[in-house]
Amino acid sequence: MSAPPARPGSTLLVNEPPLQVLPTLAQAVGLSEAIVLQQLHYWLQRARHERDGRPWVRFTYEEWQAQLPWWSLRTLKTLLPDLEARGLIATANYNRHPTDRTKWYTINYYHPAL
């Protein structure tokens, strides 16, 4: 028996951890918003900081963009405040230095859309 023919490769189909988003979440909140929520959920599962009984993670917009590089800083500066305004996420400032305005993020897991 001969080996099956080699399958063509693609530089866009690589073996790396995928981003996963449930279609029902994307339908409920929007695809871009669902991607951000899923990424935030990933980090909250690994969070070492808890305040008010909830896990929190701290990211600058540049750190968000490093995780989601297909979006511009401008897009992220629209998406994240929109999620906050819709009550899907909460933000706070738990920084030690008063001049550090980096936001801390958590998900409102009790939001009706979730």
C-alpha atoms as a PDB file:
ATOM      1  CA  MET A   1       0.000   0.000   0.000  1.00  0.00           C
ATOM      2  CA  SER A   2       1.176   3.425  -0.792  1.00  0.00           C
ATOM      3  CA  ALA A   3       0.847   6.428   1.510  1.00  0.00           C
ATOM      4  CA  PRO A   4      -2.014   8.830   0.843  1.00  0.00           C
ATOM      5  CA  PRO A   5      -1.058  11.888  -1.170  1.00  0.00           C
ATOM      6  CA  ALA A   6       0.247  14.833   0.818  1.00  0.00           C
ATOM      7  CA  ARG A   7      -2.323  17.481   1.576  1.00  0.00           C
ATOM      8  CA  PRO A   8      -1.593  20.989   0.430  1.00  0.00           C
ATOM      9  CA  GLY A   9      -0.485  23.360   3.171  1.00  0.00           C
ATOM     10  CA  SER A  10      -1.540  26.898   3.927  1.00  0.00           C
ATOM     11  CA  THR A  11       0.119  29.596   5.965  1.00  0.00           C
ATOM     12  CA  LEU A  12      -3.351  30.612   7.214  1.00  0.00           C
ATOM     13  CA  LEU A  13      -4.241  27.175   8.575  1.00  0.00           C
ATOM     14  CA  VAL A  14      -1.674  26.708  11.296  1.00  0.00           C
ATOM     15  CA  ASN A  15      -1.519  24.500  14.314  1.00  0.00           C
ATOM     16  CA  GLU A  16      -2.046  26.977  17.126  1.00  0.00           C
ATOM     17  CA  PRO A  17      -4.603  27.384  19.925  1.00  0.00           C
ATOM     18  CA  PRO A  18      -7.805  28.653  18.317  1.00  0.00           C
ATOM     19  CA  LEU A  19     -10.106  31.354  19.548  1.00  0.00           C
ATOM     20  CA  GLN A  20     -13.476  29.831  20.233  1.00  0.00           C
ATOM     21  CA  VAL A  21     -16.770  31.653  20.278  1.00  0.00           C
ATOM     22  CA  LEU A  22     -20.186  30.090  20.605  1.00  0.00           C
ATOM     23  CA  PRO A  23     -22.551  31.142  17.803  1.00  0.00           C
ATOM     24  CA  THR A  24     -25.324  31.783  20.349  1.00  0.00           C
ATOM     25  CA  LEU A  25     -23.110  34.260  22.209  1.00  0.00           C
ATOM     26  CA  ALA A  26     -22.122  35.980  18.949  1.00  0.00           C
ATOM     27  CA  GLN A  27     -25.790  36.240  18.022  1.00  0.00           C
ATOM     28  CA  ALA A  28     -26.694  37.634  21.456  1.00  0.00           C
ATOM     29  CA  VAL A  29     -23.964  40.277  21.791  1.00  0.00           C
ATOM     30  CA  GLY A  30     -22.236  40.569  18.391  1.00  0.00           C
ATOM     31  CA  LEU A  31     -19.267  38.676  16.977  1.00  0.00           C
ATOM     32  CA  SER A  32     -16.550  41.157  17.961  1.00  0.00           C
ATOM     33  CA  GLU A  33     -18.009  41.537  21.427  1.00  0.00           C
ATOM     34  CA  ALA A  34     -18.211  37.749  21.826  1.00  0.00           C
ATOM     35  CA  ILE A  35     -14.540  37.397  20.922  1.00  0.00           C
ATOM     36  CA  VAL A  36     -13.540  39.979  23.538  1.00  0.00           C
ATOM     37  CA  LEU A  37     -15.780  38.360  26.163  1.00  0.00           C
ATOM     38  CA  GLN A  38     -14.341  34.913  25.444  1.00  0.00           C
ATOM     39  CA  GLN A  39     -10.779  36.235  25.699  1.00  0.00           C
ATOM     40  CA  LEU A  40     -11.605  38.004  28.960  1.00  0.00           C
ATOM     41  CA  HIS A  41     -13.263  34.840  30.287  1.00  0.00           C
ATOM     42  CA  TYR A  42     -10.092  32.890  29.443  1.00  0.00           C
ATOM     43  CA  TRP A  43      -7.995  35.243  31.567  1.00  0.00           C
ATOM     44  CA  LEU A  44     -10.516  35.458  34.405  1.00  0.00           C
ATOM     45  CA  GLN A  45     -10.308  31.665  34.768  1.00  0.00           C
ATOM     46  CA  ARG A  46      -6.595  32.165  35.495  1.00  0.00           C
ATOM     47  CA  ALA A  47      -6.883  35.398  37.524  1.00  0.00           C
ATOM     48  CA  ARG A  48      -4.934  35.773  40.733  1.00  0.00           C
ATOM     49  CA  HIS A  49      -6.734  38.929  41.853  1.00  0.00           C
ATOM     50  CA  GLU A  50     -10.135  38.879  43.470  1.00  0.00           C
ATOM     51  CA  ARG A  51     -12.115  41.890  44.648  1.00  0.00           C
ATOM     52  CA  ASP A  52     -15.705  41.994  45.832  1.00  0.00           C
ATOM     53  CA  GLY A  53     -15.938  38.229  45.336  1.00  0.00           C
ATOM     54  CA  ARG A  54     -15.075  38.430  41.630  1.00  0.00           C
ATOM     55  CA  PRO A  55     -11.912  37.728  39.650  1.00  0.00           C
ATOM     56  CA  TRP A  56     -10.274  40.690  37.908  1.00  0.00           C
ATOM     57  CA  VAL A  57      -7.537  41.062  35.305  1.00  0.00           C
ATOM     58  CA  ARG A  58      -5.600  44.164  34.343  1.00  0.00           C
ATOM     59  CA  PHE A  59      -4.773  45.069  30.725  1.00  0.00           C
ATOM     60  CA  THR A  60      -3.774  48.187  28.843  1.00  0.00           C
ATOM     61  CA  TYR A  61      -5.255  48.727  25.401  1.00  0.00           C
ATOM     62  CA  GLU A  62      -1.855  47.804  23.951  1.00  0.00           C
ATOM     63  CA  GLU A  63      -1.963  44.487  25.831  1.00  0.00           C
ATOM     64  CA  TRP A  64      -5.457  43.834  24.492  1.00  0.00           C
ATOM     65  CA  GLN A  65      -4.172  44.526  20.999  1.00  0.00           C
ATOM     66  CA  ALA A  66      -1.271  42.096  21.454  1.00  0.00           C
ATOM     67  CA  GLN A  67      -3.863  39.397  22.196  1.00  0.00           C
ATOM     68  CA  LEU A  68      -6.247  40.458  19.426  1.00  0.00           C
ATOM     69  CA  PRO A  69      -3.848  41.870  16.810  1.00  0.00           C
ATOM     70  CA  TRP A  70      -6.343  42.040  13.930  1.00  0.00           C
ATOM     71  CA  TRP A  71      -8.057  44.985  15.654  1.00  0.00           C
ATOM     72  CA  SER A  72      -6.656  48.477  15.858  1.00  0.00           C
ATOM     73  CA  LEU A  73      -6.300  50.332  19.143  1.00  0.00           C
ATOM     74  CA  ARG A  74      -9.138  52.560  17.981  1.00  0.00           C
ATOM     75  CA  THR A  75     -11.435  49.558  17.534  1.00  0.00           C
ATOM     76  CA  LEU A  76     -10.551  48.200  20.983  1.00  0.00           C
ATOM     77  CA  LYS A  77     -11.121  51.631  22.511  1.00  0.00           C
ATOM     78  CA  THR A  78     -14.645  51.408  21.099  1.00  0.00           C
ATOM     79  CA  LEU A  79     -15.389  47.736  21.820  1.00  0.00           C
ATOM     80  CA  LEU A  80     -14.363  47.622  25.478  1.00  0.00           C
ATOM     81  CA  PRO A  81     -16.253  50.758  26.608  1.00  0.00           C
ATOM     82  CA  ASP A  82     -19.278  49.527  24.636  1.00  0.00           C
ATOM     83  CA  LEU A  83     -19.219  46.220  26.520  1.00  0.00           C
ATOM     84  CA  GLU A  84     -19.007  48.199  29.765  1.00  0.00           C
ATOM     85  CA  ALA A  85     -21.877  50.522  28.795  1.00  0.00           C
ATOM     86  CA  ARG A  86     -24.019  47.500  27.944  1.00  0.00           C
ATOM     87  CA  GLY A  87     -23.306  46.031  31.387  1.00  0.00           C
ATOM     88  CA  LEU A  88     -21.544  42.943  30.021  1.00  0.00           C
ATOM     89  CA  ILE A  89     -18.238  43.804  31.690  1.00  0.00           C
ATOM     90  CA  ALA A  90     -17.223  45.932  34.639  1.00  0.00           C
ATOM     91  CA  THR A  91     -14.050  47.943  34.963  1.00  0.00           C
ATOM     92  CA  ALA A  92     -12.274  49.386  37.966  1.00  0.00           C
ATOM     93  CA  ASN A  93      -8.978  50.893  39.030  1.00  0.00           C
ATOM     94  CA  TYR A  94      -7.244  48.769  41.647  1.00  0.00           C
ATOM     95  CA  ASN A  95      -3.777  50.101  40.866  1.00  0.00           C
ATOM     96  CA  ARG A  96      -1.363  50.907  43.656  1.00  0.00           C
ATOM     97  CA  HIS A  97      -0.195  54.186  42.155  1.00  0.00           C
ATOM     98  CA  PRO A  98      -2.809  56.925  41.768  1.00  0.00           C
ATOM     99  CA  THR A  99      -1.339  58.001  38.426  1.00  0.00           C
ATOM    100  CA  ASP A 100      -1.726  54.487  36.936  1.00  0.00           C
ATOM    101  CA  ARG A 101      -5.006  54.535  35.041  1.00  0.00           C
ATOM    102  CA  THR A 102      -4.770  51.012  33.606  1.00  0.00           C
ATOM    103  CA  LYS A 103      -8.198  49.384  33.825  1.00  0.00           C
ATOM    104  CA  TRP A 104      -9.071  46.153  35.562  1.00  0.00           C
ATOM    105  CA  TYR A 105     -11.767  44.042  33.901  1.00  0.00           C
ATOM    106  CA  THR A 106     -14.290  41.406  34.919  1.00  0.00           C
ATOM    107  CA  ILE A 107     -17.373  39.914  33.296  1.00  0.00           C
ATOM    108  CA  ASN A 108     -20.900  40.425  34.573  1.00  0.00           C
ATOM    109  CA  TYR A 109     -21.748  36.717  34.391  1.00  0.00           C
ATOM    110  CA  TYR A 110     -25.298  37.480  35.542  1.00  0.00           C
ATOM    111  CA  HIS A 111     -26.113  39.679  32.551  1.00  0.00           C
ATOM    112  CA  PRO A 112     -29.234  38.355  30.752  1.00  0.00           C
ATOM    113  CA  ALA A 113     -27.330  37.990  27.456  1.00  0.00           C
ATOM    114  CA  LEU A 114     -24.883  35.620  29.135  1.00  0.00           C
END
